[in-house]
Amino acid sequence: VQAGSFAPFSVASNDALAWRAPSSAEMA
């Protein structure tokens, strides 16, 4: 999970699911 800038899910090279969680301001 990476904080900031909401983005779509994507599959990382190590087959892990990588995505960006919205910051609290973005979620609000």
PDB file of all heavy atoms in Angstrom:
ATOM      1  N   VAL A   1       0.850  -1.182   0.000  1.00  0.00           N
ATOM      2  CA  VAL A   1       0.000   0.000   0.000  1.00  0.00           C
ATOM      3  C   VAL A   1       0.884   1.229   0.000  1.00  0.00           C
ATOM      4  O   VAL A   1       1.813   1.328   0.790  1.00  0.00           O
ATOM      5  CB  VAL A   1      -0.916   0.022   1.248  1.00  0.00           C
ATOM      6  CG1 VAL A   1      -1.767   1.261   1.258  1.00  0.00           C
ATOM      7  CG2 VAL A   1      -1.782  -1.226   1.284  1.00  0.00           C
ATOM      8  N   GLN A   2       0.604   2.140  -0.901  1.00  0.00           N
ATOM      9  CA  GLN A   2       1.335   3.399  -0.944  1.00  0.00           C
ATOM     10  C   GLN A   2       0.350   4.511  -0.630  1.00  0.00           C
ATOM     11  O   GLN A   2      -0.743   4.542  -1.191  1.00  0.00           O
ATOM     12  CB  GLN A   2       1.953   3.614  -2.324  1.00  0.00           C
ATOM     13  CG  GLN A   2       2.970   2.538  -2.672  1.00  0.00           C
ATOM     14  CD  GLN A   2       3.438   2.660  -4.113  1.00  0.00           C
ATOM     15  OE1 GLN A   2       2.696   3.072  -4.978  1.00  0.00           O
ATOM     16  NE2 GLN A   2       4.688   2.305  -4.340  1.00  0.00           N
ATOM     17  N   ALA A   3       0.731   5.404   0.253  1.00  0.00           N
ATOM     18  CA  ALA A   3      -0.159   6.492   0.643  1.00  0.00           C
ATOM     19  C   ALA A   3      -0.221   7.531  -0.461  1.00  0.00           C
ATOM     20  O   ALA A   3       0.755   7.795  -1.145  1.00  0.00           O
ATOM     21  CB  ALA A   3       0.322   7.138   1.934  1.00  0.00           C
ATOM     22  N   GLY A   4      -1.395   8.111  -0.631  1.00  0.00           N
ATOM     23  CA  GLY A   4      -1.576   9.228  -1.560  1.00  0.00           C
ATOM     24  C   GLY A   4      -2.020   8.800  -2.941  1.00  0.00           C
ATOM     25  O   GLY A   4      -1.917   7.656  -3.346  1.00  0.00           O
ATOM     26  N   SER A   5      -2.550   9.737  -3.677  1.00  0.00           N
ATOM     27  CA  SER A   5      -2.961   9.607  -5.076  1.00  0.00           C
ATOM     28  C   SER A   5      -3.620   8.285  -5.422  1.00  0.00           C
ATOM     29  O   SER A   5      -2.979   7.326  -5.804  1.00  0.00           O
ATOM     30  CB  SER A   5      -1.765   9.838  -5.995  1.00  0.00           C
ATOM     31  OG  SER A   5      -1.288  11.133  -5.800  1.00  0.00           O
ATOM     32  N   PHE A   6      -4.925   8.253  -5.268  1.00  0.00           N
ATOM     33  CA  PHE A   6      -5.701   7.065  -5.569  1.00  0.00           C
ATOM     34  C   PHE A   6      -5.492   6.665  -7.026  1.00  0.00           C
ATOM     35  O   PHE A   6      -5.572   7.466  -7.917  1.00  0.00           O
ATOM     36  CB  PHE A   6      -7.185   7.356  -5.314  1.00  0.00           C
ATOM     37  CG  PHE A   6      -8.050   6.147  -5.424  1.00  0.00           C
ATOM     38  CD1 PHE A   6      -8.079   5.216  -4.415  1.00  0.00           C
ATOM     39  CD2 PHE A   6      -8.825   5.949  -6.534  1.00  0.00           C
ATOM     40  CE1 PHE A   6      -8.881   4.102  -4.507  1.00  0.00           C
ATOM     41  CE2 PHE A   6      -9.628   4.836  -6.642  1.00  0.00           C
ATOM     42  CZ  PHE A   6      -9.664   3.912  -5.623  1.00  0.00           C
ATOM     43  N   ALA A   7      -5.178   5.426  -7.253  1.00  0.00           N
ATOM     44  CA  ALA A   7      -4.955   4.909  -8.602  1.00  0.00           C
ATOM     45  C   ALA A   7      -5.544   3.514  -8.698  1.00  0.00           C
ATOM     46  O   ALA A   7      -5.795   2.873  -7.676  1.00  0.00           O
ATOM     47  CB  ALA A   7      -3.453   4.880  -8.902  1.00  0.00           C
ATOM     48  N   PRO A   8      -5.745   2.994  -9.922  1.00  0.00           N
ATOM     49  CA  PRO A   8      -6.300   1.648 -10.051  1.00  0.00           C
ATOM     50  C   PRO A   8      -5.321   0.582  -9.576  1.00  0.00           C
ATOM     51  O   PRO A   8      -4.135   0.815  -9.479  1.00  0.00           O
ATOM     52  CB  PRO A   8      -6.578   1.517 -11.544  1.00  0.00           C
ATOM     53  CG  PRO A   8      -5.831   2.597 -12.209  1.00  0.00           C
ATOM     54  CD  PRO A   8      -5.526   3.652 -11.189  1.00  0.00           C
ATOM     55  N   PHE A   9      -5.882  -0.600  -9.303  1.00  0.00           N
ATOM     56  CA  PHE A   9      -5.053  -1.735  -8.919  1.00  0.00           C
ATOM     57  C   PHE A   9      -4.150  -2.103 -10.087  1.00  0.00           C
ATOM     58  O   PHE A   9      -4.525  -1.987 -11.233  1.00  0.00           O
ATOM     59  CB  PHE A   9      -5.926  -2.952  -8.588  1.00  0.00           C
ATOM     60  CG  PHE A   9      -6.675  -2.819  -7.314  1.00  0.00           C
ATOM     61  CD1 PHE A   9      -7.987  -2.410  -7.300  1.00  0.00           C
ATOM     62  CD2 PHE A   9      -6.065  -3.115  -6.112  1.00  0.00           C
ATOM     63  CE1 PHE A   9      -8.681  -2.298  -6.125  1.00  0.00           C
ATOM     64  CE2 PHE A   9      -6.751  -3.006  -4.923  1.00  0.00           C
ATOM     65  CZ  PHE A   9      -8.068  -2.597  -4.928  1.00  0.00           C
ATOM     66  N   SER A  10      -2.976  -2.589  -9.789  1.00  0.00           N
ATOM     67  CA  SER A  10      -2.097  -3.126 -10.821  1.00  0.00           C
ATOM     68  C   SER A  10      -1.293  -4.266 -10.212  1.00  0.00           C
ATOM     69  O   SER A  10      -1.061  -4.288  -9.012  1.00  0.00           O
ATOM     70  CB  SER A  10      -1.155  -2.042 -11.352  1.00  0.00           C
ATOM     71  OG  SER A  10      -0.303  -1.599 -10.324  1.00  0.00           O
ATOM     72  N   VAL A  11      -0.902  -5.196 -11.035  1.00  0.00           N
ATOM     73  CA  VAL A  11      -0.134  -6.330 -10.552  1.00  0.00           C
ATOM     74  C   VAL A  11       1.348  -6.002 -10.667  1.00  0.00           C
ATOM     75  O   VAL A  11       1.834  -5.631 -11.725  1.00  0.00           O
ATOM     76  CB  VAL A  11      -0.466  -7.609 -11.345  1.00  0.00           C
ATOM     77  CG1 VAL A  11       0.384  -8.773 -10.876  1.00  0.00           C
ATOM     78  CG2 VAL A  11      -1.951  -7.923 -11.208  1.00  0.00           C
ATOM     79  N   ALA A  12       2.063  -6.141  -9.570  1.00  0.00           N
ATOM     80  CA  ALA A  12       3.492  -5.852  -9.550  1.00  0.00           C
ATOM     81  C   ALA A  12       4.258  -7.050 -10.117  1.00  0.00           C
ATOM     82  O   ALA A  12       3.720  -8.142 -10.252  1.00  0.00           O
ATOM     83  CB  ALA A  12       3.945  -5.561  -8.123  1.00  0.00           C
ATOM     84  N   SER A  13       5.532  -6.848 -10.437  1.00  0.00           N
ATOM     85  CA  SER A  13       6.343  -7.895 -11.044  1.00  0.00           C
ATOM     86  C   SER A  13       6.476  -9.122 -10.144  1.00  0.00           C
ATOM     87  O   SER A  13       6.642 -10.224 -10.639  1.00  0.00           O
ATOM     88  CB  SER A  13       7.720  -7.348 -11.397  1.00  0.00           C
ATOM     89  OG  SER A  13       8.362  -6.894 -10.228  1.00  0.00           O
ATOM     90  N   ASN A  14       6.380  -8.955  -8.830  1.00  0.00           N
ATOM     91  CA  ASN A  14       6.495 -10.101  -7.932  1.00  0.00           C
ATOM     92  C   ASN A  14       5.130 -10.730  -7.635  1.00  0.00           C
ATOM     93  O   ASN A  14       4.958 -11.426  -6.652  1.00  0.00           O
ATOM     94  CB  ASN A  14       7.208  -9.707  -6.635  1.00  0.00           C
ATOM     95  CG  ASN A  14       6.407  -8.710  -5.816  1.00  0.00           C
ATOM     96  OD1 ASN A  14       5.336  -8.277  -6.232  1.00  0.00           O
ATOM     97  ND2 ASN A  14       6.925  -8.339  -4.663  1.00  0.00           N
ATOM     98  N   ASP A  15       4.165 -10.476  -8.513  1.00  0.00           N
ATOM     99  CA  ASP A  15       2.810 -11.008  -8.412  1.00  0.00           C
ATOM    100  C   ASP A  15       2.041 -10.489  -7.199  1.00  0.00           C
ATOM    101  O   ASP A  15       0.984 -10.999  -6.884  1.00  0.00           O
ATOM    102  CB  ASP A  15       2.785 -12.535  -8.414  1.00  0.00           C
ATOM    103  CG  ASP A  15       3.220 -13.091  -9.753  1.00  0.00           C
ATOM    104  OD1 ASP A  15       3.009 -12.416 -10.776  1.00  0.00           O
ATOM    105  OD2 ASP A  15       3.771 -14.185  -9.749  1.00  0.00           O
ATOM    106  N   ALA A  16       2.596  -9.508  -6.510  1.00  0.00           N
ATOM    107  CA  ALA A  16       1.866  -8.899  -5.394  1.00  0.00           C
ATOM    108  C   ALA A  16       0.897  -7.870  -5.960  1.00  0.00           C
ATOM    109  O   ALA A  16       1.128  -7.287  -7.006  1.00  0.00           O
ATOM    110  CB  ALA A  16       2.835  -8.222  -4.435  1.00  0.00           C
ATOM    111  N   LEU A  17      -0.182  -7.679  -5.266  1.00  0.00           N
ATOM    112  CA  LEU A  17      -1.152  -6.677  -5.668  1.00  0.00           C
ATOM    113  C   LEU A  17      -0.672  -5.324  -5.158  1.00  0.00           C
ATOM    114  O   LEU A  17      -0.461  -5.148  -3.967  1.00  0.00           O
ATOM    115  CB  LEU A  17      -2.521  -7.022  -5.071  1.00  0.00           C
ATOM    116  CG  LEU A  17      -3.703  -6.187  -5.500  1.00  0.00           C
ATOM    117  CD1 LEU A  17      -3.910  -6.292  -7.011  1.00  0.00           C
ATOM    118  CD2 LEU A  17      -4.958  -6.661  -4.791  1.00  0.00           C
ATOM    119  N   ALA A  18      -0.465  -4.394  -6.044  1.00  0.00           N
ATOM    120  CA  ALA A  18       0.015  -3.064  -5.658  1.00  0.00           C
ATOM    121  C   ALA A  18      -1.076  -2.055  -5.969  1.00  0.00           C
ATOM    122  O   ALA A  18      -1.681  -2.089  -7.027  1.00  0.00           O
ATOM    123  CB  ALA A  18       1.289  -2.714  -6.419  1.00  0.00           C
ATOM    124  N   TRP A  19      -1.324  -1.166  -5.060  1.00  0.00           N
ATOM    125  CA  TRP A  19      -2.309  -0.117  -5.282  1.00  0.00           C
ATOM    126  C   TRP A  19      -1.994   1.062  -4.399  1.00  0.00           C
ATOM    127  O   TRP A  19      -1.222   0.977  -3.470  1.00  0.00           O
ATOM    128  CB  TRP A  19      -3.716  -0.640  -5.053  1.00  0.00           C
ATOM    129  CG  TRP A  19      -3.974  -1.176  -3.681  1.00  0.00           C
ATOM    130  CD1 TRP A  19      -3.537  -2.347  -3.162  1.00  0.00           C
ATOM    131  CD2 TRP A  19      -4.749  -0.554  -2.640  1.00  0.00           C
ATOM    132  NE1 TRP A  19      -3.983  -2.504  -1.875  1.00  0.00           N
ATOM    133  CE2 TRP A  19      -4.726  -1.424  -1.527  1.00  0.00           C
ATOM    134  CE3 TRP A  19      -5.455   0.637  -2.552  1.00  0.00           C
ATOM    135  CZ2 TRP A  19      -5.373  -1.132  -0.347  1.00  0.00           C
ATOM    136  CZ3 TRP A  19      -6.109   0.915  -1.367  1.00  0.00           C
ATOM    137  CH2 TRP A  19      -6.071   0.042  -0.292  1.00  0.00           C
ATOM    138  N   ARG A  20      -2.610   2.147  -4.698  1.00  0.00           N
ATOM    139  CA  ARG A  20      -2.430   3.360  -3.916  1.00  0.00           C
ATOM    140  C   ARG A  20      -3.702   3.637  -3.128  1.00  0.00           C
ATOM    141  O   ARG A  20      -4.783   3.645  -3.682  1.00  0.00           O
ATOM    142  CB  ARG A  20      -2.126   4.547  -4.811  1.00  0.00           C
ATOM    143  CG  ARG A  20      -0.812   4.447  -5.512  1.00  0.00           C
ATOM    144  CD  ARG A  20      -0.567   5.729  -6.302  1.00  0.00           C
ATOM    145  NE  ARG A  20       0.649   5.627  -7.047  1.00  0.00           N
ATOM    146  CZ  ARG A  20       1.839   5.987  -6.578  1.00  0.00           C
ATOM    147  NH1 ARG A  20       1.948   6.453  -5.365  1.00  0.00           N
ATOM    148  NH2 ARG A  20       2.898   5.875  -7.318  1.00  0.00           N
ATOM    149  N   ALA A  21      -3.549   3.857  -1.858  1.00  0.00           N
ATOM    150  CA  ALA A  21      -4.679   4.224  -1.014  1.00  0.00           C
ATOM    151  C   ALA A  21      -4.785   5.744  -1.004  1.00  0.00           C
ATOM    152  O   ALA A  21      -3.774   6.439  -0.982  1.00  0.00           O
ATOM    153  CB  ALA A  21      -4.471   3.709   0.407  1.00  0.00           C
ATOM    154  N   PRO A  22      -5.995   6.259  -1.026  1.00  0.00           N
ATOM    155  CA  PRO A  22      -6.131   7.715  -0.978  1.00  0.00           C
ATOM    156  C   PRO A  22      -5.690   8.245   0.384  1.00  0.00           C
ATOM    157  O   PRO A  22      -5.845   7.578   1.403  1.00  0.00           O
ATOM    158  CB  PRO A  22      -7.620   7.945  -1.208  1.00  0.00           C
ATOM    159  CG  PRO A  22      -8.277   6.664  -0.831  1.00  0.00           C
ATOM    160  CD  PRO A  22      -7.274   5.577  -1.090  1.00  0.00           C
ATOM    161  N   SER A  23      -5.142   9.442   0.376  1.00  0.00           N
ATOM    162  CA  SER A  23      -4.812  10.106   1.639  1.00  0.00           C
ATOM    163  C   SER A  23      -6.125  10.459   2.334  1.00  0.00           C
ATOM    164  O   SER A  23      -7.208  10.385   1.724  1.00  0.00           O
ATOM    165  CB  SER A  23      -4.000  11.374   1.374  1.00  0.00           C
ATOM    166  OG  SER A  23      -4.822  12.335   0.722  1.00  0.00           O
ATOM    167  N   SER A  24      -6.065  10.871   3.583  1.00  0.00           N
ATOM    168  CA  SER A  24      -7.302  11.233   4.285  1.00  0.00           C
ATOM    169  C   SER A  24      -7.985  12.420   3.601  1.00  0.00           C
ATOM    170  O   SER A  24      -9.215  12.456   3.495  1.00  0.00           O
ATOM    171  CB  SER A  24      -7.030  11.525   5.756  1.00  0.00           C
ATOM    172  OG  SER A  24      -6.115  12.586   5.893  1.00  0.00           O
ATOM    173  N   ALA A  25      -7.210  13.361   3.097  1.00  0.00           N
ATOM    174  CA  ALA A  25      -7.802  14.517   2.393  1.00  0.00           C
ATOM    175  C   ALA A  25      -8.464  14.070   1.088  1.00  0.00           C
ATOM    176  O   ALA A  25      -9.557  14.542   0.748  1.00  0.00           O
ATOM    177  CB  ALA A  25      -6.728  15.571   2.118  1.00  0.00           C
ATOM    178  N   GLU A  26      -7.808  13.167   0.371  1.00  0.00           N
ATOM    179  CA  GLU A  26      -8.388  12.666  -0.879  1.00  0.00           C
ATOM    180  C   GLU A  26      -9.653  11.864  -0.615  1.00  0.00           C
ATOM    181  O   GLU A  26     -10.644  11.987  -1.338  1.00  0.00           O
ATOM    182  CB  GLU A  26      -7.368  11.812  -1.629  1.00  0.00           C
ATOM    183  CG  GLU A  26      -6.231  12.625  -2.230  1.00  0.00           C
ATOM    184  CD  GLU A  26      -5.083  11.774  -2.723  1.00  0.00           C
ATOM    185  OE1 GLU A  26      -4.812  10.708  -2.122  1.00  0.00           O
ATOM    186  OE2 GLU A  26      -4.464  12.176  -3.716  1.00  0.00           O
ATOM    187  N   MET A  27      -9.640  11.054   0.443  1.00  0.00           N
ATOM    188  CA  MET A  27     -10.827  10.261   0.775  1.00  0.00           C
ATOM    189  C   MET A  27     -11.983  11.167   1.163  1.00  0.00           C
ATOM    190  O   MET A  27     -13.129  10.940   0.758  1.00  0.00           O
ATOM    191  CB  MET A  27     -10.500   9.285   1.908  1.00  0.00           C
ATOM    192  CG  MET A  27     -11.557   8.220   2.103  1.00  0.00           C
ATOM    193  SD  MET A  27     -11.572   7.044   0.739  1.00  0.00           S
ATOM    194  CE  MET A  27     -13.203   7.328   0.098  1.00  0.00           C
ATOM    195  N   ALA A  28     -11.681  12.203   1.934  1.00  0.00           N
ATOM    196  CA  ALA A  28     -12.724  13.163   2.324  1.00  0.00           C
ATOM    197  C   ALA A  28     -13.313  13.831   1.084  1.00  0.00           C
ATOM    198  O   ALA A  28     -14.534  14.025   0.991  1.00  0.00           O
ATOM    199  CB  ALA A  28     -12.157  14.203   3.287  1.00  0.00           C
TER     200      ALA A  28
END
